[in-house]
């Protein structure tokens, strides 16, 4: 919380002064304003809501299993991309692959 308070981007400036209580009371949800400007269909297109992150093309499957500590330590010692190395190693040794 403290880091945010000290972040210059979070502080009001000449271009973005703090909102007054009256401005906050007058404010309306974006969907309502866009519906007036673009109609219901146009507003719905812009204000699509979805849960979570957008899906990735090559998203992985989450599985949980235990590996020996020495194996994990050896891969982690290779650097920040160690998970990719584990995936490559597993892919290279998949059953049915020559």
C-alpha atoms as a PDB file:
ATOM      1  CA  UNK A   1       0.000   0.000   0.000  1.00  0.00           C
ATOM      2  CA  UNK A   2       2.873   2.392   0.803  1.00  0.00           C
ATOM      3  CA  UNK A   3       4.513   1.862  -2.593  1.00  0.00           C
ATOM      4  CA  UNK A   4       1.294   2.943  -4.295  1.00  0.00           C
ATOM      5  CA  UNK A   5       1.015   6.061  -2.144  1.00  0.00           C
ATOM      6  CA  UNK A   6       4.511   7.099  -3.205  1.00  0.00           C
ATOM      7  CA  UNK A   7       3.998   6.269  -6.892  1.00  0.00           C
ATOM      8  CA  UNK A   8       3.935   9.546  -8.895  1.00  0.00           C
ATOM      9  CA  UNK A   9       1.430   8.028 -11.326  1.00  0.00           C
ATOM     10  CA  UNK A  10      -1.047   7.682  -8.458  1.00  0.00           C
ATOM     11  CA  UNK A  11      -0.752  11.328  -7.417  1.00  0.00           C
ATOM     12  CA  UNK A  12      -3.044  14.097  -8.714  1.00  0.00           C
ATOM     13  CA  UNK A  13      -1.468  16.612 -11.092  1.00  0.00           C
ATOM     14  CA  UNK A  14      -2.598  19.470 -13.352  1.00  0.00           C
ATOM     15  CA  UNK A  15      -4.033  17.084 -15.945  1.00  0.00           C
ATOM     16  CA  UNK A  16      -5.800  14.869 -13.428  1.00  0.00           C
ATOM     17  CA  UNK A  17      -6.816  16.836 -10.350  1.00  0.00           C
ATOM     18  CA  UNK A  18      -8.602  14.977  -7.554  1.00  0.00           C
ATOM     19  CA  UNK A  19     -12.345  14.544  -7.971  1.00  0.00           C
ATOM     20  CA  UNK A  20     -14.613  16.633  -5.798  1.00  0.00           C
ATOM     21  CA  UNK A  21     -17.482  15.098  -3.836  1.00  0.00           C
ATOM     22  CA  UNK A  22     -19.946  16.730  -6.254  1.00  0.00           C
ATOM     23  CA  UNK A  23     -18.166  15.172  -9.256  1.00  0.00           C
ATOM     24  CA  UNK A  24     -18.203  11.768  -7.641  1.00  0.00           C
ATOM     25  CA  UNK A  25     -21.947  12.061  -6.943  1.00  0.00           C
ATOM     26  CA  UNK A  26     -22.595  13.041 -10.589  1.00  0.00           C
ATOM     27  CA  UNK A  27     -20.539  10.168 -11.958  1.00  0.00           C
ATOM     28  CA  UNK A  28     -22.304   7.298 -13.717  1.00  0.00           C
ATOM     29  CA  UNK A  29     -21.278   3.817 -14.777  1.00  0.00           C
ATOM     30  CA  UNK A  30     -19.541   3.675 -18.165  1.00  0.00           C
ATOM     31  CA  UNK A  31     -22.150   1.259 -19.492  1.00  0.00           C
ATOM     32  CA  UNK A  32     -24.950   3.787 -18.889  1.00  0.00           C
ATOM     33  CA  UNK A  33     -23.094   6.604 -20.643  1.00  0.00           C
ATOM     34  CA  UNK A  34     -22.051   4.392 -23.555  1.00  0.00           C
ATOM     35  CA  UNK A  35     -25.605   3.122 -23.973  1.00  0.00           C
ATOM     36  CA  UNK A  36     -26.775   6.710 -24.437  1.00  0.00           C
ATOM     37  CA  UNK A  37     -24.003   7.450 -26.914  1.00  0.00           C
ATOM     38  CA  UNK A  38     -23.816   4.188 -28.867  1.00  0.00           C
ATOM     39  CA  UNK A  39     -27.029   2.339 -28.115  1.00  0.00           C
ATOM     40  CA  UNK A  40     -27.404  -0.909 -26.220  1.00  0.00           C
ATOM     41  CA  UNK A  41     -25.677  -3.051 -28.848  1.00  0.00           C
ATOM     42  CA  UNK A  42     -22.680  -0.721 -29.204  1.00  0.00           C
ATOM     43  CA  UNK A  43     -22.267  -0.413 -25.446  1.00  0.00           C
ATOM     44  CA  UNK A  44     -22.457  -4.189 -25.027  1.00  0.00           C
ATOM     45  CA  UNK A  45     -19.676  -4.612 -27.611  1.00  0.00           C
ATOM     46  CA  UNK A  46     -17.354  -2.229 -25.781  1.00  0.00           C
ATOM     47  CA  UNK A  47     -18.149  -3.240 -22.210  1.00  0.00           C
ATOM     48  CA  UNK A  48     -17.861  -7.012 -22.565  1.00  0.00           C
ATOM     49  CA  UNK A  49     -17.014  -8.502 -19.228  1.00  0.00           C
ATOM     50  CA  UNK A  50     -15.243 -11.741 -18.752  1.00  0.00           C
ATOM     51  CA  UNK A  51     -13.829 -13.543 -15.797  1.00  0.00           C
ATOM     52  CA  UNK A  52     -10.103 -13.634 -15.289  1.00  0.00           C
ATOM     53  CA  UNK A  53      -7.397 -13.339 -17.864  1.00  0.00           C
ATOM     54  CA  UNK A  54      -8.101 -13.859 -21.532  1.00  0.00           C
ATOM     55  CA  UNK A  55      -7.226 -17.397 -22.596  1.00  0.00           C
ATOM     56  CA  UNK A  56      -3.815 -17.901 -24.158  1.00  0.00           C
ATOM     57  CA  UNK A  57      -3.292 -19.897 -27.330  1.00  0.00           C
ATOM     58  CA  UNK A  58      -0.716 -22.198 -25.807  1.00  0.00           C
ATOM     59  CA  UNK A  59      -1.926 -22.291 -22.243  1.00  0.00           C
ATOM     60  CA  UNK A  60      -0.634 -25.143 -20.154  1.00  0.00           C
ATOM     61  CA  UNK A  61      -2.411 -27.648 -17.977  1.00  0.00           C
ATOM     62  CA  UNK A  62      -1.949 -27.335 -14.240  1.00  0.00           C
ATOM     63  CA  UNK A  63      -0.841 -30.575 -12.597  1.00  0.00           C
ATOM     64  CA  UNK A  64       0.640 -31.025  -9.181  1.00  0.00           C
ATOM     65  CA  UNK A  65       3.159 -33.748  -8.404  1.00  0.00           C
ATOM     66  CA  UNK A  66       6.246 -34.150  -6.271  1.00  0.00           C
ATOM     67  CA  UNK A  67       9.746 -34.149  -7.669  1.00  0.00           C
ATOM     68  CA  UNK A  68      12.951 -34.903  -5.787  1.00  0.00           C
ATOM     69  CA  UNK A  69      14.550 -31.770  -4.303  1.00  0.00           C
ATOM     70  CA  UNK A  70      17.839 -32.352  -6.115  1.00  0.00           C
ATOM     71  CA  UNK A  71      16.077 -32.519  -9.493  1.00  0.00           C
ATOM     72  CA  UNK A  72      14.217 -29.254  -8.917  1.00  0.00           C
ATOM     73  CA  UNK A  73      17.368 -27.573  -7.578  1.00  0.00           C
ATOM     74  CA  UNK A  74      19.346 -28.641 -10.663  1.00  0.00           C
ATOM     75  CA  UNK A  75      16.745 -27.171 -13.031  1.00  0.00           C
ATOM     76  CA  UNK A  76      16.319 -23.985 -10.970  1.00  0.00           C
ATOM     77  CA  UNK A  77      20.095 -23.499 -11.075  1.00  0.00           C
ATOM     78  CA  UNK A  78      19.895 -23.165 -14.871  1.00  0.00           C
ATOM     79  CA  UNK A  79      18.193 -19.772 -14.551  1.00  0.00           C
ATOM     80  CA  UNK A  80      14.829 -18.054 -14.709  1.00  0.00           C
ATOM     81  CA  UNK A  81      13.596 -20.112 -17.684  1.00  0.00           C
ATOM     82  CA  UNK A  82      14.001 -23.434 -15.870  1.00  0.00           C
ATOM     83  CA  UNK A  83      10.324 -24.353 -16.305  1.00  0.00           C
ATOM     84  CA  UNK A  84      10.707 -24.159 -20.076  1.00  0.00           C
ATOM     85  CA  UNK A  85      13.714 -26.457 -19.824  1.00  0.00           C
ATOM     86  CA  UNK A  86      11.685 -28.960 -17.799  1.00  0.00           C
ATOM     87  CA  UNK A  87       8.893 -28.830 -20.412  1.00  0.00           C
ATOM     88  CA  UNK A  88      11.404 -29.321 -23.253  1.00  0.00           C
ATOM     89  CA  UNK A  89      13.024 -32.255 -21.458  1.00  0.00           C
ATOM     90  CA  UNK A  90       9.652 -33.900 -20.854  1.00  0.00           C
ATOM     91  CA  UNK A  91       8.582 -33.246 -24.450  1.00  0.00           C
ATOM     92  CA  UNK A  92      11.816 -34.770 -25.790  1.00  0.00           C
ATOM     93  CA  UNK A  93      11.179 -37.918 -23.753  1.00  0.00           C
ATOM     94  CA  UNK A  94       7.434 -38.340 -24.279  1.00  0.00           C
ATOM     95  CA  UNK A  95       6.239 -41.930 -24.686  1.00  0.00           C
ATOM     96  CA  UNK A  96       5.756 -42.816 -28.332  1.00  0.00           C
ATOM     97  CA  UNK A  97       8.156 -40.150 -29.550  1.00  0.00           C
ATOM     98  CA  UNK A  98      11.306 -41.130 -31.401  1.00  0.00           C
END
